[in-house]
PDB file of N, CA and C in Angstrom:
ATOM      1  N   MET A   1       0.717  -1.354   0.116  1.00  0.00           N
ATOM      2  CA  MET A   1      -0.258   0.206   0.500  1.00  0.00           C
ATOM      3  C   MET A   1       1.093   1.479   0.650  1.00  0.00           C
ATOM      4  N   SER A   2       0.222   2.203  -0.673  1.00  0.00           N
ATOM      5  CA  SER A   2       1.228   3.305  -0.913  1.00  0.00           C
ATOM      6  C   SER A   2       0.656   4.677   0.065  1.00  0.00           C
ATOM      7  N   LYS A   3       1.677   5.670   0.377  1.00  0.00           N
ATOM      8  CA  LYS A   3       1.606   5.962   1.222  1.00  0.00           C
ATOM      9  C   LYS A   3       0.901   7.412   1.392  1.00  0.00           C
ATOM     10  N   ILE A   4       0.136   8.141   2.260  1.00  0.00           N
ATOM     11  CA  ILE A   4      -0.658   9.554   2.094  1.00  0.00           C
ATOM     12  C   ILE A   4      -0.072  10.388   1.928  1.00  0.00           C
ATOM     13  N   PHE A   5       0.726  11.402   1.432  1.00  0.00           N
ATOM     14  CA  PHE A   5       0.623  12.629   0.958  1.00  0.00           C
ATOM     15  C   PHE A   5       0.103  13.577   1.631  1.00  0.00           C
ATOM     16  N   ARG A   6      -0.249  14.001   2.703  1.00  0.00           N
ATOM     17  CA  ARG A   6      -0.487  15.683   2.968  1.00  0.00           C
ATOM     18  C   ARG A   6      -0.027  17.020   3.265  1.00  0.00           C
ATOM     19  N   ILE A   7      -0.537  17.617   2.352  1.00  0.00           N
ATOM     20  CA  ILE A   7       0.257  19.048   2.273  1.00  0.00           C
ATOM     21  C   ILE A   7      -0.360  19.687   2.880  1.00  0.00           C
ATOM     22  N   TYR A   8      -0.114  20.796   3.324  1.00  0.00           N
ATOM     23  CA  TYR A   8      -1.161  22.315   4.355  1.00  0.00           C
ATOM     24  C   TYR A   8      -0.330  23.405   4.037  1.00  0.00           C
ATOM     25  N   ALA A   9      -1.532  24.561   4.018  1.00  0.00           N
ATOM     26  CA  ALA A   9      -0.909  25.405   4.225  1.00  0.00           C
ATOM     27  C   ALA A   9      -2.048  25.625   5.983  1.00  0.00           C
ATOM     28  N   ASP A  10      -1.448  26.675   6.534  1.00  0.00           N
ATOM     29  CA  ASP A  10      -1.894  26.134   7.603  1.00  0.00           C
ATOM     30  C   ASP A  10      -2.622  24.880   8.247  1.00  0.00           C
ATOM     31  N   SER A  11      -4.108  24.994   8.327  1.00  0.00           N
ATOM     32  CA  SER A  11      -5.033  23.739   9.166  1.00  0.00           C
ATOM     33  C   SER A  11      -5.636  23.821   7.220  1.00  0.00           C
ATOM     34  N   ASP A  12      -5.005  24.250   6.561  1.00  0.00           N
ATOM     35  CA  ASP A  12      -6.582  23.871   5.562  1.00  0.00           C
ATOM     36  C   ASP A  12      -4.955  22.971   4.036  1.00  0.00           C
ATOM     37  N   PRO A  13      -6.210  21.991   4.194  1.00  0.00           N
ATOM     38  CA  PRO A  13      -5.217  20.674   3.096  1.00  0.00           C
ATOM     39  C   PRO A  13      -5.011  21.587   1.561  1.00  0.00           C
ATOM     40  N   ILE A  14      -3.589  21.012   1.247  1.00  0.00           N
ATOM     41  CA  ILE A  14      -3.489  21.562  -0.431  1.00  0.00           C
ATOM     42  C   ILE A  14      -3.307  20.673  -1.095  1.00  0.00           C
ATOM     43  N   TYR A  15      -3.006  19.178  -0.693  1.00  0.00           N
ATOM     44  CA  TYR A  15      -2.618  18.394  -1.454  1.00  0.00           C
ATOM     45  C   TYR A  15      -3.132  17.419  -0.822  1.00  0.00           C
ATOM     46  N   SER A  16      -3.934  15.723  -1.163  1.00  0.00           N
ATOM     47  CA  SER A  16      -3.473  14.652   0.123  1.00  0.00           C
ATOM     48  C   SER A  16      -3.899  13.016  -1.357  1.00  0.00           C
ATOM     49  N   GLY A  17      -2.639  12.819  -1.408  1.00  0.00           N
ATOM     50  CA  GLY A  17      -2.141  11.736  -2.050  1.00  0.00           C
ATOM     51  C   GLY A  17      -0.932  11.120  -2.512  1.00  0.00           C
ATOM     52  N   ASN A  18      -0.979  10.676  -3.275  1.00  0.00           N
ATOM     53  CA  ASN A  18       0.384   9.606  -3.652  1.00  0.00           C
ATOM     54  C   ASN A  18       1.063   9.946  -4.263  1.00  0.00           C
ATOM     55  N   PHE A  19       0.567  11.128  -5.175  1.00  0.00           N
ATOM     56  CA  PHE A  19       1.654  11.619  -6.297  1.00  0.00           C
ATOM     57  C   PHE A  19       1.290  10.747  -7.615  1.00  0.00           C
ATOM     58  N   SER A  20      -0.032   9.861  -8.003  1.00  0.00           N
ATOM     59  CA  SER A  20      -0.111   9.184  -8.633  1.00  0.00           C
ATOM     60  C   SER A  20      -0.357  10.105  -9.945  1.00  0.00           C
ATOM     61  N   GLU A  21      -0.859  11.205  -9.647  1.00  0.00           N
ATOM     62  CA  GLU A  21      -1.182  12.189 -11.128  1.00  0.00           C
ATOM     63  C   GLU A  21       0.544  12.405 -11.704  1.00  0.00           C
ATOM     64  N   VAL A  22       1.563  12.667 -11.779  1.00  0.00           N
ATOM     65  CA  VAL A  22       2.631  12.291 -11.661  1.00  0.00           C
ATOM     66  C   VAL A  22       2.998  11.390 -13.200  1.00  0.00           C
ATOM     67  N   PRO A  23       3.265  12.089 -13.529  1.00  0.00           N
ATOM     68  CA  PRO A  23       4.424  10.951 -14.499  1.00  0.00           C
ATOM     69  C   PRO A  23       5.375   9.703 -13.864  1.00  0.00           C
ATOM     70  N   THR A  24       5.299   8.540 -14.190  1.00  0.00           N
ATOM     71  CA  THR A  24       6.254   8.076 -13.186  1.00  0.00           C
ATOM     72  C   THR A  24       7.782   8.123 -13.113  1.00  0.00           C
ATOM     73  N   GLU A  25       8.483   8.691 -14.683  1.00  0.00           N
ATOM     74  CA  GLU A  25       9.782   9.317 -14.245  1.00  0.00           C
ATOM     75  C   GLU A  25       9.835  10.205 -13.501  1.00  0.00           C
ATOM     76  N   HIS A  26       9.202  10.621 -12.585  1.00  0.00           N
ATOM     77  CA  HIS A  26       9.290  11.763 -11.849  1.00  0.00           C
ATOM     78  C   HIS A  26       8.695  11.747 -10.431  1.00  0.00           C
ATOM     79  N   ARG A  27       7.851  10.811 -10.246  1.00  0.00           N
ATOM     80  CA  ARG A  27       6.785  10.193  -8.598  1.00  0.00           C
ATOM     81  C   ARG A  27       8.605   9.961  -7.925  1.00  0.00           C
ATOM     82  N   LYS A  28       9.222   8.471  -8.429  1.00  0.00           N
ATOM     83  CA  LYS A  28      10.054   8.145  -7.665  1.00  0.00           C
ATOM     84  C   LYS A  28      10.489   8.977  -6.553  1.00  0.00           C
ATOM     85  N   LYS A  29      11.663  10.119  -7.673  1.00  0.00           N
ATOM     86  CA  LYS A  29      12.364  10.916  -6.646  1.00  0.00           C
ATOM     87  C   LYS A  29      11.241  11.830  -5.671  1.00  0.00           C
ATOM     88  N   ILE A  30      10.341  12.451  -5.875  1.00  0.00           N
ATOM     89  CA  ILE A  30       8.950  13.125  -5.450  1.00  0.00           C
ATOM     90  C   ILE A  30       9.465  12.323  -4.059  1.00  0.00           C
ATOM     91  N   VAL A  31       8.714  11.016  -4.132  1.00  0.00           N
ATOM     92  CA  VAL A  31       8.295  10.251  -3.140  1.00  0.00           C
ATOM     93  C   VAL A  31       9.114  10.200  -2.153  1.00  0.00           C
ATOM     94  N   GLU A  32      10.791   9.436  -2.747  1.00  0.00           N
ATOM     95  CA  GLU A  32      11.776   8.821  -1.828  1.00  0.00           C
ATOM     96  C   GLU A  32      11.968  10.847  -0.844  1.00  0.00           C
ATOM     97  N   ALA A  33      12.128  11.697  -1.744  1.00  0.00           N
ATOM     98  CA  ALA A  33      11.952  12.956  -0.923  1.00  0.00           C
ATOM     99  C   ALA A  33      11.658  13.568  -0.296  1.00  0.00           C
ATOM    100  N   LEU A  34      10.358  13.411   0.183  1.00  0.00           N
ATOM    101  CA  LEU A  34       9.406  13.501   1.069  1.00  0.00           C
ATOM    102  C   LEU A  34       9.552  13.046   2.033  1.00  0.00           C
ATOM    103  N   ASN A  35       9.516  11.549   1.916  1.00  0.00           N
ATOM    104  CA  ASN A  35       9.751  10.489   2.748  1.00  0.00           C
ATOM    105  C   ASN A  35      10.989  10.560   3.878  1.00  0.00           C
ATOM    106  N   GLU A  36      11.855  10.904   3.051  1.00  0.00           N
ATOM    107  CA  GLU A  36      13.227  11.037   3.920  1.00  0.00           C
ATOM    108  C   GLU A  36      13.317  12.727   4.013  1.00  0.00           C
ATOM    109  N   TRP A  37      12.607  13.837   4.111  1.00  0.00           N
ATOM    110  CA  TRP A  37      13.054  15.088   4.550  1.00  0.00           C
ATOM    111  C   TRP A  37      11.418  15.943   4.827  1.00  0.00           C
ATOM    112  N   GLY A  38      10.477  15.450   3.961  1.00  0.00           N
ATOM    113  CA  GLY A  38       9.228  15.901   4.290  1.00  0.00           C
ATOM    114  C   GLY A  38       9.002  16.652   5.751  1.00  0.00           C
ATOM    115  N   GLU A  39       9.131  15.912   6.562  1.00  0.00           N
ATOM    116  CA  GLU A  39       8.551  15.808   8.189  1.00  0.00           C
ATOM    117  C   GLU A  39       9.797  16.641   8.827  1.00  0.00           C
ATOM    118  N   VAL A  40      10.732  16.593   8.140  1.00  0.00           N
ATOM    119  CA  VAL A  40      12.238  17.066   9.461  1.00  0.00           C
ATOM    120  C   VAL A  40      12.206  18.715   9.094  1.00  0.00           C
ATOM    121  N   LEU A  41      11.393  19.264   7.877  1.00  0.00           N
ATOM    122  CA  LEU A  41      11.855  20.897   7.190  1.00  0.00           C
ATOM    123  C   LEU A  41      10.624  21.632   7.080  1.00  0.00           C
ATOM    124  N   GLY A  42      11.307  22.811   7.603  1.00  0.00           N
ATOM    125  CA  GLY A  42      10.525  23.925   8.322  1.00  0.00           C
ATOM    126  C   GLY A  42       9.701  24.135   6.743  1.00  0.00           C
ATOM    127  N   LYS A  43       8.756  24.979   7.362  1.00  0.00           N
ATOM    128  CA  LYS A  43       8.108  26.079   6.104  1.00  0.00           C
ATOM    129  C   LYS A  43       8.655  26.488   5.180  1.00  0.00           C
ATOM    130  N   GLY A  44       9.652  26.762   5.214  1.00  0.00           N
ATOM    131  CA  GLY A  44      10.710  27.206   4.034  1.00  0.00           C
ATOM    132  C   GLY A  44      11.514  26.204   3.221  1.00  0.00           C
ATOM    133  N   GLY A  45      12.245  25.340   4.653  1.00  0.00           N
ATOM    134  CA  GLY A  45      12.349  23.911   3.532  1.00  0.00           C
ATOM    135  C   GLY A  45      11.454  23.526   3.045  1.00  0.00           C
ATOM    136  N   LEU A  46      10.268  22.748   3.167  1.00  0.00           N
ATOM    137  CA  LEU A  46       9.401  22.271   1.940  1.00  0.00           C
ATOM    138  C   LEU A  46       9.078  22.653   1.359  1.00  0.00           C
ATOM    139  N   ASN A  47       8.681  24.762   1.792  1.00  0.00           N
ATOM    140  CA  ASN A  47       8.534  24.699  -0.263  1.00  0.00           C
ATOM    141  C   ASN A  47       9.467  24.971  -1.302  1.00  0.00           C
ATOM    142  N   GLU A  48      10.560  25.282  -0.886  1.00  0.00           N
ATOM    143  CA  GLU A  48      11.381  24.700  -1.914  1.00  0.00           C
ATOM    144  C   GLU A  48      12.064  23.566  -2.158  1.00  0.00           C
ATOM    145  N   MET A  49      11.944  22.395  -0.932  1.00  0.00           N
ATOM    146  CA  MET A  49      11.942  20.827  -2.065  1.00  0.00           C
ATOM    147  C   MET A  49      10.808  20.504  -3.006  1.00  0.00           C
ATOM    148  N   ILE A  50       9.138  21.288  -2.227  1.00  0.00           N
ATOM    149  CA  ILE A  50       8.583  21.154  -3.256  1.00  0.00           C
ATOM    150  C   ILE A  50       8.673  21.381  -4.587  1.00  0.00           C
ATOM    151  N   TYR A  51       9.365  22.743  -4.762  1.00  0.00           N
ATOM    152  CA  TYR A  51       8.584  23.205  -6.214  1.00  0.00           C
ATOM    153  C   TYR A  51      10.429  23.279  -6.532  1.00  0.00           C
ATOM    154  N   SER A  52      11.414  22.855  -6.315  1.00  0.00           N
ATOM    155  CA  SER A  52      12.179  22.001  -7.008  1.00  0.00           C
ATOM    156  C   SER A  52      11.824  20.453  -7.679  1.00  0.00           C
ATOM    157  N   LEU A  53      11.351  19.816  -6.592  1.00  0.00           N
ATOM    158  CA  LEU A  53      10.367  18.507  -7.307  1.00  0.00           C
ATOM    159  C   LEU A  53      10.277  18.595  -8.322  1.00  0.00           C
ATOM    160  N   PHE A  54       9.127  19.890  -8.669  1.00  0.00           N
ATOM    161  CA  PHE A  54       8.476  19.722  -9.465  1.00  0.00           C
ATOM    162  C   PHE A  54       9.115  21.182 -10.817  1.00  0.00           C
ATOM    163  N   PHE A  55      10.338  21.190 -10.813  1.00  0.00           N
ATOM    164  CA  PHE A  55      10.063  21.919 -11.460  1.00  0.00           C
ATOM    165  C   PHE A  55      10.185  22.294 -13.037  1.00  0.00           C
ATOM    166  N   TRP A  56       9.847  20.155 -13.418  1.00  0.00           N
ATOM    167  CA  TRP A  56       9.676  19.838 -14.960  1.00  0.00           C
ATOM    168  C   TRP A  56       8.187  20.328 -15.303  1.00  0.00           C
ATOM    169  N   TYR A  57       7.504  20.218 -14.559  1.00  0.00           N
ATOM    170  CA  TYR A  57       6.133  20.167 -14.303  1.00  0.00           C
ATOM    171  C   TYR A  57       5.692  21.311 -15.423  1.00  0.00           C
ATOM    172  N   ASN A  58       5.739  22.692 -15.541  1.00  0.00           N
ATOM    173  CA  ASN A  58       5.873  23.579 -16.667  1.00  0.00           C
ATOM    174  C   ASN A  58       6.574  23.531 -17.791  1.00  0.00           C
ATOM    175  N   GLN A  59       7.478  22.684 -17.989  1.00  0.00           N
ATOM    176  CA  GLN A  59       7.822  22.514 -18.856  1.00  0.00           C
ATOM    177  C   GLN A  59       7.078  22.726 -20.758  1.00  0.00           C
ATOM    178  N   THR A  60       7.926  23.104 -21.429  1.00  0.00           N
ATOM    179  CA  THR A  60       7.054  23.118 -22.625  1.00  0.00           C
ATOM    180  C   THR A  60       7.882  22.748 -24.014  1.00  0.00           C
ATOM    181  N   GLU A  61       7.125  22.683 -25.275  1.00  0.00           N
ATOM    182  CA  GLU A  61       7.924  21.997 -26.316  1.00  0.00           C
ATOM    183  C   GLU A  61       7.081  22.519 -27.670  1.00  0.00           C
ATOM    184  N   PHE A  62       7.999  22.588 -28.359  1.00  0.00           N
ATOM    185  CA  PHE A  62       7.258  22.769 -29.881  1.00  0.00           C
ATOM    186  C   PHE A  62       6.966  22.085 -30.800  1.00  0.00           C
ATOM    187  N   VAL A  63       5.746  21.887 -30.662  1.00  0.00           N
ATOM    188  CA  VAL A  63       5.035  20.806 -31.659  1.00  0.00           C
ATOM    189  C   VAL A  63       4.770  20.885 -33.115  1.00  0.00           C
ATOM    190  N   CYS A  64       4.302  20.573 -34.247  1.00  0.00           N
ATOM    191  CA  CYS A  64       3.741  20.593 -35.554  1.00  0.00           C
ATOM    192  C   CYS A  64       2.794  19.615 -35.126  1.00  0.00           C
ATOM    193  N   SER A  65       1.773  19.750 -35.128  1.00  0.00           N
ATOM    194  CA  SER A  65       0.218  19.621 -36.129  1.00  0.00           C
ATOM    195  C   SER A  65       0.066  19.201 -36.723  1.00  0.00           C
ATOM    196  N   LYS A  66       1.033  19.417 -38.005  1.00  0.00           N
ATOM    197  CA  LYS A  66       1.203  18.398 -39.165  1.00  0.00           C
ATOM    198  C   LYS A  66       2.306  17.267 -39.575  1.00  0.00           C
ATOM    199  N   CYS A  67       3.176  17.620 -38.741  1.00  0.00           N
ATOM    200  CA  CYS A  67       3.440  15.965 -38.453  1.00  0.00           C
ATOM    201  C   CYS A  67       3.972  15.391 -37.080  1.00  0.00           C
ATOM    202  N   GLU A  68       2.719  16.299 -36.500  1.00  0.00           N
ATOM    203  CA  GLU A  68       3.112  15.714 -35.052  1.00  0.00           C
ATOM    204  C   GLU A  68       3.969  15.057 -34.244  1.00  0.00           C
ATOM    205  N   LYS A  69       5.337  16.301 -34.263  1.00  0.00           N
ATOM    206  CA  LYS A  69       6.500  15.629 -33.980  1.00  0.00           C
ATOM    207  C   LYS A  69       6.697  17.191 -33.054  1.00  0.00           C
ATOM    208  N   THR A  70       8.082  16.393 -31.882  1.00  0.00           N
ATOM    209  CA  THR A  70       8.353  17.907 -30.965  1.00  0.00           C
ATOM    210  C   THR A  70       9.782  18.280 -31.832  1.00  0.00           C
ATOM    211  N   PHE A  71       9.816  19.689 -31.717  1.00  0.00           N
ATOM    212  CA  PHE A  71      11.226  20.171 -31.802  1.00  0.00           C
ATOM    213  C   PHE A  71      11.840  21.242 -30.623  1.00  0.00           C
ATOM    214  N   LYS A  72      12.741  21.361 -30.447  1.00  0.00           N
ATOM    215  CA  LYS A  72      13.399  22.620 -30.297  1.00  0.00           C
ATOM    216  C   LYS A  72      13.798  23.902 -30.188  1.00  0.00           C
ATOM    217  N   GLU A  73      13.250  23.924 -31.919  1.00  0.00           N
ATOM    218  CA  GLU A  73      13.097  25.059 -32.781  1.00  0.00           C
ATOM    219  C   GLU A  73      11.721  25.549 -32.993  1.00  0.00           C
ATOM    220  N   THR A  74      11.076  26.280 -33.675  1.00  0.00           N
ATOM    221  CA  THR A  74       9.710  26.707 -33.382  1.00  0.00           C
ATOM    222  C   THR A  74       9.159  26.442 -35.199  1.00  0.00           C
ATOM    223  N   VAL A  75      10.165  26.284 -35.626  1.00  0.00           N
ATOM    224  CA  VAL A  75      10.072  26.389 -36.985  1.00  0.00           C
ATOM    225  C   VAL A  75       9.931  24.119 -37.318  1.00  0.00           C
ATOM    226  N   CYS A  76       9.124  23.920 -38.204  1.00  0.00           N
ATOM    227  CA  CYS A  76       9.299  22.322 -38.153  1.00  0.00           C
ATOM    228  C   CYS A  76      10.305  21.721 -39.241  1.00  0.00           C
ATOM    229  N   SER A  77      11.745  21.390 -39.048  1.00  0.00           N
ATOM    230  CA  SER A  77      12.393  20.719 -39.669  1.00  0.00           C
ATOM    231  C   SER A  77      12.056  20.014 -41.027  1.00  0.00           C
ATOM    232  N   THR A  78      11.251  19.337 -40.819  1.00  0.00           N
ATOM    233  CA  THR A  78      10.445  17.815 -42.019  1.00  0.00           C
ATOM    234  C   THR A  78       9.154  18.963 -43.181  1.00  0.00           C
ATOM    235  N   CYS A  79       8.417  20.001 -42.696  1.00  0.00           N
ATOM    236  CA  CYS A  79       7.479  20.812 -42.779  1.00  0.00           C
ATOM    237  C   CYS A  79       7.975  22.218 -43.864  1.00  0.00           C
ATOM    238  N   GLY A  80       8.935  22.625 -42.413  1.00  0.00           N
ATOM    239  CA  GLY A  80       8.496  24.383 -42.407  1.00  0.00           C
ATOM    240  C   GLY A  80       7.175  24.638 -42.000  1.00  0.00           C
ATOM    241  N   GLN A  81       6.414  24.014 -41.280  1.00  0.00           N
ATOM    242  CA  GLN A  81       5.614  24.225 -40.723  1.00  0.00           C
ATOM    243  C   GLN A  81       5.759  25.258 -39.581  1.00  0.00           C
ATOM    244  N   GLN A  82       5.242  26.293 -39.213  1.00  0.00           N
ATOM    245  CA  GLN A  82       5.009  27.588 -37.768  1.00  0.00           C
ATOM    246  C   GLN A  82       4.689  26.332 -36.672  1.00  0.00           C
ATOM    247  N   LEU A  83       5.711  26.144 -35.491  1.00  0.00           N
ATOM    248  CA  LEU A  83       4.979  24.963 -34.547  1.00  0.00           C
ATOM    249  C   LEU A  83       4.687  25.932 -33.440  1.00  0.00           C
ATOM    250  N   SER A  84       3.500  25.058 -33.007  1.00  0.00           N
ATOM    251  CA  SER A  84       2.904  25.924 -31.791  1.00  0.00           C
ATOM    252  C   SER A  84       3.487  25.405 -30.602  1.00  0.00           C
ATOM    253  N   GLU A  85       3.502  26.452 -29.406  1.00  0.00           N
ATOM    254  CA  GLU A  85       4.294  25.868 -28.268  1.00  0.00           C
ATOM    255  C   GLU A  85       3.012  25.301 -26.976  1.00  0.00           C
ATOM    256  N   SER A  86       3.562  23.630 -26.205  1.00  0.00           N
ATOM    257  CA  SER A  86       2.852  23.116 -25.222  1.00  0.00           C
ATOM    258  C   SER A  86       3.077  22.816 -24.404  1.00  0.00           C
ATOM    259  N   ASP A  87       2.526  22.247 -23.362  1.00  0.00           N
ATOM    260  CA  ASP A  87       2.967  22.085 -22.355  1.00  0.00           C
ATOM    261  C   ASP A  87       3.662  20.508 -22.378  1.00  0.00           C
ATOM    262  N   LYS A  88       4.478  20.216 -21.909  1.00  0.00           N
ATOM    263  CA  LYS A  88       5.525  19.273 -22.000  1.00  0.00           C
ATOM    264  C   LYS A  88       4.925  17.511 -21.470  1.00  0.00           C
ATOM    265  N   TYR A  89       4.320  18.149 -20.663  1.00  0.00           N
ATOM    266  CA  TYR A  89       3.451  17.432 -19.322  1.00  0.00           C
ATOM    267  C   TYR A  89       2.414  17.701 -19.007  1.00  0.00           C
ATOM    268  N   GLU A  90       1.288  16.447 -19.210  1.00  0.00           N
ATOM    269  CA  GLU A  90      -0.331  16.667 -18.925  1.00  0.00           C
ATOM    270  C   GLU A  90      -0.755  17.402 -17.472  1.00  0.00           C
ATOM    271  N   HIS A  91      -1.400  18.586 -17.426  1.00  0.00           N
ATOM    272  CA  HIS A  91      -1.194  19.006 -15.927  1.00  0.00           C
ATOM    273  C   HIS A  91      -2.606  18.539 -15.972  1.00  0.00           C
ATOM    274  N   ASN A  92      -2.463  18.866 -14.362  1.00  0.00           N
ATOM    275  CA  ASN A  92      -3.703  17.964 -13.028  1.00  0.00           C
ATOM    276  C   ASN A  92      -4.073  19.382 -12.267  1.00  0.00           C
ATOM    277  N   GLU A  93      -5.344  19.052 -12.191  1.00  0.00           N
ATOM    278  CA  GLU A  93      -6.159  20.287 -11.253  1.00  0.00           C
ATOM    279  C   GLU A  93      -5.013  19.739  -9.638  1.00  0.00           C
ATOM    280  N   SER A  94      -4.605  18.645  -9.328  1.00  0.00           N
ATOM    281  CA  SER A  94      -4.160  18.691  -8.035  1.00  0.00           C
ATOM    282  C   SER A  94      -2.780  18.944  -7.940  1.00  0.00           C
ATOM    283  N   ILE A  95      -2.215  18.851  -9.109  1.00  0.00           N
ATOM    284  CA  ILE A  95      -0.408  19.639  -9.113  1.00  0.00           C
ATOM    285  C   ILE A  95      -0.324  21.003  -9.056  1.00  0.00           C
ATOM    286  N   ASP A  96      -1.648  21.189  -9.911  1.00  0.00           N
ATOM    287  CA  ASP A  96      -1.741  22.904  -9.746  1.00  0.00           C
ATOM    288  C   ASP A  96      -2.251  24.044  -8.627  1.00  0.00           C
ATOM    289  N   HIS A  97      -2.663  23.510  -7.983  1.00  0.00           N
ATOM    290  CA  HIS A  97      -3.138  23.772  -7.075  1.00  0.00           C
ATOM    291  C   HIS A  97      -1.915  23.540  -6.471  1.00  0.00           C
ATOM    292  N   LEU A  98      -1.209  22.621  -6.050  1.00  0.00           N
ATOM    293  CA  LEU A  98      -0.093  22.302  -4.699  1.00  0.00           C
ATOM    294  C   LEU A  98       0.935  23.604  -5.406  1.00  0.00           C
ATOM    295  N   LEU A  99       1.142  23.714  -6.351  1.00  0.00           N
ATOM    296  CA  LEU A  99       2.653  24.654  -7.322  1.00  0.00           C
ATOM    297  C   LEU A  99       1.588  26.224  -6.897  1.00  0.00           C
ATOM    298  N   ASN A 100       0.228  26.501  -7.788  1.00  0.00           N
ATOM    299  CA  ASN A 100      -0.126  27.731  -7.323  1.00  0.00           C
ATOM    300  C   ASN A 100      -0.130  28.133  -5.766  1.00  0.00           C
ATOM    301  N   CYS A 101       0.099  27.175  -4.796  1.00  0.00           N
ATOM    302  CA  CYS A 101       0.380  27.694  -2.901  1.00  0.00           C
ATOM    303  C   CYS A 101       1.463  27.523  -2.147  1.00  0.00           C
ATOM    304  N   ILE A 102       2.645  27.767  -2.995  1.00  0.00           N
ATOM    305  CA  ILE A 102       4.052  27.204  -3.076  1.00  0.00           C
ATOM    306  C   ILE A 102       4.353  27.788  -1.660  1.00  0.00           C
ATOM    307  N   GLY A 103       4.198  28.987  -1.629  1.00  0.00           N
ATOM    308  CA  GLY A 103       4.940  29.891  -1.024  1.00  0.00           C
ATOM    309  C   GLY A 103       3.875  30.488   0.696  1.00  0.00           C
ATOM    310  N   MET A 104       2.898  29.266   0.413  1.00  0.00           N
ATOM    311  CA  MET A 104       2.309  29.228   1.416  1.00  0.00           C
ATOM    312  C   MET A 104       1.990  27.910   2.228  1.00  0.00           C
ATOM    313  N   LEU A 105       2.516  27.106   2.530  1.00  0.00           N
ATOM    314  CA  LEU A 105       3.072  25.351   2.494  1.00  0.00           C
ATOM    315  C   LEU A 105       3.625  25.477   3.834  1.00  0.00           C
ATOM    316  N   THR A 106       3.040  25.285   4.572  1.00  0.00           N
ATOM    317  CA  THR A 106       3.295  25.026   6.058  1.00  0.00           C
ATOM    318  C   THR A 106       4.105  23.950   6.850  1.00  0.00           C
ATOM    319  N   ARG A 107       3.341  22.382   6.459  1.00  0.00           N
ATOM    320  CA  ARG A 107       4.027  21.714   7.150  1.00  0.00           C
ATOM    321  C   ARG A 107       2.948  20.088   5.715  1.00  0.00           C
ATOM    322  N   LEU A 108       4.491  19.427   6.356  1.00  0.00           N
ATOM    323  CA  LEU A 108       3.255  17.379   5.903  1.00  0.00           C
ATOM    324  C   LEU A 108       2.935  17.078   6.528  1.00  0.00           C
ATOM    325  N   GLU A 109       2.130  15.512   6.401  1.00  0.00           N
ATOM    326  CA  GLU A 109       1.750  14.830   7.018  1.00  0.00           C
ATOM    327  C   GLU A 109       2.270  13.320   5.772  1.00  0.00           C
ATOM    328  N   ILE A 110       2.572  12.406   6.648  1.00  0.00           N
ATOM    329  CA  ILE A 110       2.568  11.029   5.935  1.00  0.00           C
ATOM    330  C   ILE A 110       1.712  10.184   6.063  1.00  0.00           C
ATOM    331  N   VAL A 111       0.846   9.832   6.299  1.00  0.00           N
ATOM    332  CA  VAL A 111       0.277   8.160   6.468  1.00  0.00           C
ATOM    333  C   VAL A 111       0.889   7.187   6.026  1.00  0.00           C
TER     334      VAL A 111
END
């Protein structure tokens, strides 16, 4: 059974879950860091750790709608079409809320 992480801003729960909404490639690092350090960090340390663990969340990439390929440039090298910028990772309401409240986080409970 996976642990449940509850992150609070004062007495208000901001996040409760096991980070199942996070891509597997990032989840392990987040869970390990929070298990090891989350409960002993003060308010500022908790905020900084969570913020740094989610640096990947707002990454974007350029996508060609015609070729359905991603690029680092703004023009498709295959067909020459202008690319549109999109989120690299699917966004989730729970994680959005957590990151929107990042400066107000006060404590973590692990159940």
